[in-house]
Amino acid sequence: MTFCSLERVQLLKSAVITAVASLYLNVFVLVVQSFVKVSALNALAPTQSEPPFAITQAVVLAIFILIALIAVVKFRPGTTVRV
């Protein structure tokens, strides 16, 4: 593996991590909006500082960390689509 291809692999892995982080932020906002708009969730955490809200956000974060780790480990640079 040459330096250029190693550099390219690192760049592509960082793109994978960035994509997962971007999706996490969208889901984070979805959870916040759900706790604000859905009355059943709003009853559990009306100010978003209660434990149900924090637990939900922690679980979502843990899931996305797991997704990011799996994506980076299973990433194969030879299978990328060239446009």
C-alpha atoms as a PDB file:
ATOM      1  CA  MET A   1       0.000   0.000   0.000  1.00  0.00           C
ATOM      2  CA  THR A   2       1.542   3.302  -1.064  1.00  0.00           C
ATOM      3  CA  PHE A   3       1.376   6.527   0.856  1.00  0.00           C
ATOM      4  CA  CYS A   4      -1.228   7.968  -1.512  1.00  0.00           C
ATOM      5  CA  SER A   5      -3.518   4.991  -1.174  1.00  0.00           C
ATOM      6  CA  LEU A   6      -3.057   4.978   2.616  1.00  0.00           C
ATOM      7  CA  GLU A   7      -3.890   8.661   2.683  1.00  0.00           C
ATOM      8  CA  ARG A   8      -6.958   7.989   0.503  1.00  0.00           C
ATOM      9  CA  VAL A   9      -8.138   5.195   2.810  1.00  0.00           C
ATOM     10  CA  GLN A  10      -7.826   7.478   5.825  1.00  0.00           C
ATOM     11  CA  LEU A  11      -9.733  10.200   3.986  1.00  0.00           C
ATOM     12  CA  LEU A  12     -12.514   7.800   3.045  1.00  0.00           C
ATOM     13  CA  LYS A  13     -12.739   6.453   6.604  1.00  0.00           C
ATOM     14  CA  SER A  14     -13.038   9.995   7.905  1.00  0.00           C
ATOM     15  CA  ALA A  15     -15.835  10.553   5.380  1.00  0.00           C
ATOM     16  CA  VAL A  16     -17.631   7.479   6.760  1.00  0.00           C
ATOM     17  CA  ILE A  17     -17.293   8.807  10.312  1.00  0.00           C
ATOM     18  CA  THR A  18     -18.497  12.248   9.228  1.00  0.00           C
ATOM     19  CA  ALA A  19     -21.554  10.755   7.510  1.00  0.00           C
ATOM     20  CA  VAL A  20     -22.480   8.759  10.616  1.00  0.00           C
ATOM     21  CA  ALA A  21     -21.960  11.834  12.827  1.00  0.00           C
ATOM     22  CA  SER A  22     -24.179  13.894  10.541  1.00  0.00           C
ATOM     23  CA  LEU A  23     -26.906  11.280  10.699  1.00  0.00           C
ATOM     24  CA  TYR A  24     -26.573  11.162  14.497  1.00  0.00           C
ATOM     25  CA  LEU A  25     -27.129  14.907  14.734  1.00  0.00           C
ATOM     26  CA  ASN A  26     -30.278  14.587  12.623  1.00  0.00           C
ATOM     27  CA  VAL A  27     -31.563  11.799  14.870  1.00  0.00           C
ATOM     28  CA  PHE A  28     -30.644  13.869  17.944  1.00  0.00           C
ATOM     29  CA  VAL A  29     -32.864  16.685  16.677  1.00  0.00           C
ATOM     30  CA  LEU A  30     -35.589  14.137  15.855  1.00  0.00           C
ATOM     31  CA  VAL A  31     -35.557  12.875  19.452  1.00  0.00           C
ATOM     32  CA  VAL A  32     -35.654  16.408  20.847  1.00  0.00           C
ATOM     33  CA  GLN A  33     -38.547  17.351  18.576  1.00  0.00           C
ATOM     34  CA  SER A  34     -40.355  14.129  19.468  1.00  0.00           C
ATOM     35  CA  PHE A  35     -40.140  14.941  23.175  1.00  0.00           C
ATOM     36  CA  VAL A  36     -41.473  18.436  22.451  1.00  0.00           C
ATOM     37  CA  LYS A  37     -44.290  17.551  20.010  1.00  0.00           C
ATOM     38  CA  VAL A  38     -45.537  14.095  21.096  1.00  0.00           C
ATOM     39  CA  SER A  39     -47.721  14.537  24.157  1.00  0.00           C
ATOM     40  CA  ALA A  40     -46.898  11.113  25.663  1.00  0.00           C
ATOM     41  CA  LEU A  41     -43.156  11.851  25.503  1.00  0.00           C
ATOM     42  CA  ASN A  42     -43.663  15.427  26.637  1.00  0.00           C
ATOM     43  CA  ALA A  43     -45.417  14.120  29.753  1.00  0.00           C
ATOM     44  CA  LEU A  44     -42.313  12.042  30.560  1.00  0.00           C
ATOM     45  CA  ALA A  45     -39.858  14.912  30.088  1.00  0.00           C
ATOM     46  CA  PRO A  46     -41.497  18.334  29.728  1.00  0.00           C
ATOM     47  CA  THR A  47     -38.244  20.321  30.037  1.00  0.00           C
ATOM     48  CA  GLN A  48     -35.849  17.795  28.411  1.00  0.00           C
ATOM     49  CA  SER A  49     -33.794  17.641  31.596  1.00  0.00           C
ATOM     50  CA  GLU A  50     -35.493  14.590  33.088  1.00  0.00           C
ATOM     51  CA  PRO A  51     -33.963  11.088  33.145  1.00  0.00           C
ATOM     52  CA  PRO A  52     -36.150   9.583  30.345  1.00  0.00           C
ATOM     53  CA  PHE A  53     -34.828  12.188  27.901  1.00  0.00           C
ATOM     54  CA  ALA A  54     -31.209  11.727  28.994  1.00  0.00           C
ATOM     55  CA  ILE A  55     -31.489   7.938  28.838  1.00  0.00           C
ATOM     56  CA  THR A  56     -32.999   8.102  25.341  1.00  0.00           C
ATOM     57  CA  GLN A  57     -30.221  10.378  24.097  1.00  0.00           C
ATOM     58  CA  ALA A  58     -27.549   8.176  25.704  1.00  0.00           C
ATOM     59  CA  VAL A  59     -28.989   5.079  24.022  1.00  0.00           C
ATOM     60  CA  VAL A  60     -29.125   6.853  20.655  1.00  0.00           C
ATOM     61  CA  LEU A  61     -25.507   8.001  21.086  1.00  0.00           C
ATOM     62  CA  ALA A  62     -24.375   4.480  22.015  1.00  0.00           C
ATOM     63  CA  ILE A  63     -26.126   3.029  18.964  1.00  0.00           C
ATOM     64  CA  PHE A  64     -24.457   5.534  16.658  1.00  0.00           C
ATOM     65  CA  ILE A  65     -21.025   4.944  18.196  1.00  0.00           C
ATOM     66  CA  LEU A  66     -21.538   1.240  17.520  1.00  0.00           C
ATOM     67  CA  ILE A  67     -22.666   1.969  13.955  1.00  0.00           C
ATOM     68  CA  ALA A  68     -19.588   4.157  13.374  1.00  0.00           C
ATOM     69  CA  LEU A  69     -17.224   1.507  14.726  1.00  0.00           C
ATOM     70  CA  ILE A  70     -18.795  -1.203  12.571  1.00  0.00           C
ATOM     71  CA  ALA A  71     -18.706   1.061   9.513  1.00  0.00           C
ATOM     72  CA  VAL A  72     -15.010   1.858   9.956  1.00  0.00           C
ATOM     73  CA  VAL A  73     -13.999  -1.745  10.695  1.00  0.00           C
ATOM     74  CA  LYS A  74     -15.961  -3.209   7.789  1.00  0.00           C
ATOM     75  CA  PHE A  75     -14.954  -0.441   5.381  1.00  0.00           C
ATOM     76  CA  ARG A  76     -13.285  -1.836   2.265  1.00  0.00           C
ATOM     77  CA  PRO A  77     -11.691   0.832   0.067  1.00  0.00           C
ATOM     78  CA  GLY A  78     -11.516  -1.511  -2.927  1.00  0.00           C
ATOM     79  CA  THR A  79     -15.296  -1.748  -3.118  1.00  0.00           C
ATOM     80  CA  THR A  80     -15.948   1.982  -3.517  1.00  0.00           C
ATOM     81  CA  VAL A  81     -17.897   3.074  -6.553  1.00  0.00           C
ATOM     82  CA  ARG A  82     -15.975   5.282  -8.944  1.00  0.00           C
ATOM     83  CA  VAL A  83     -17.955   7.969 -10.675  1.00  0.00           C
END
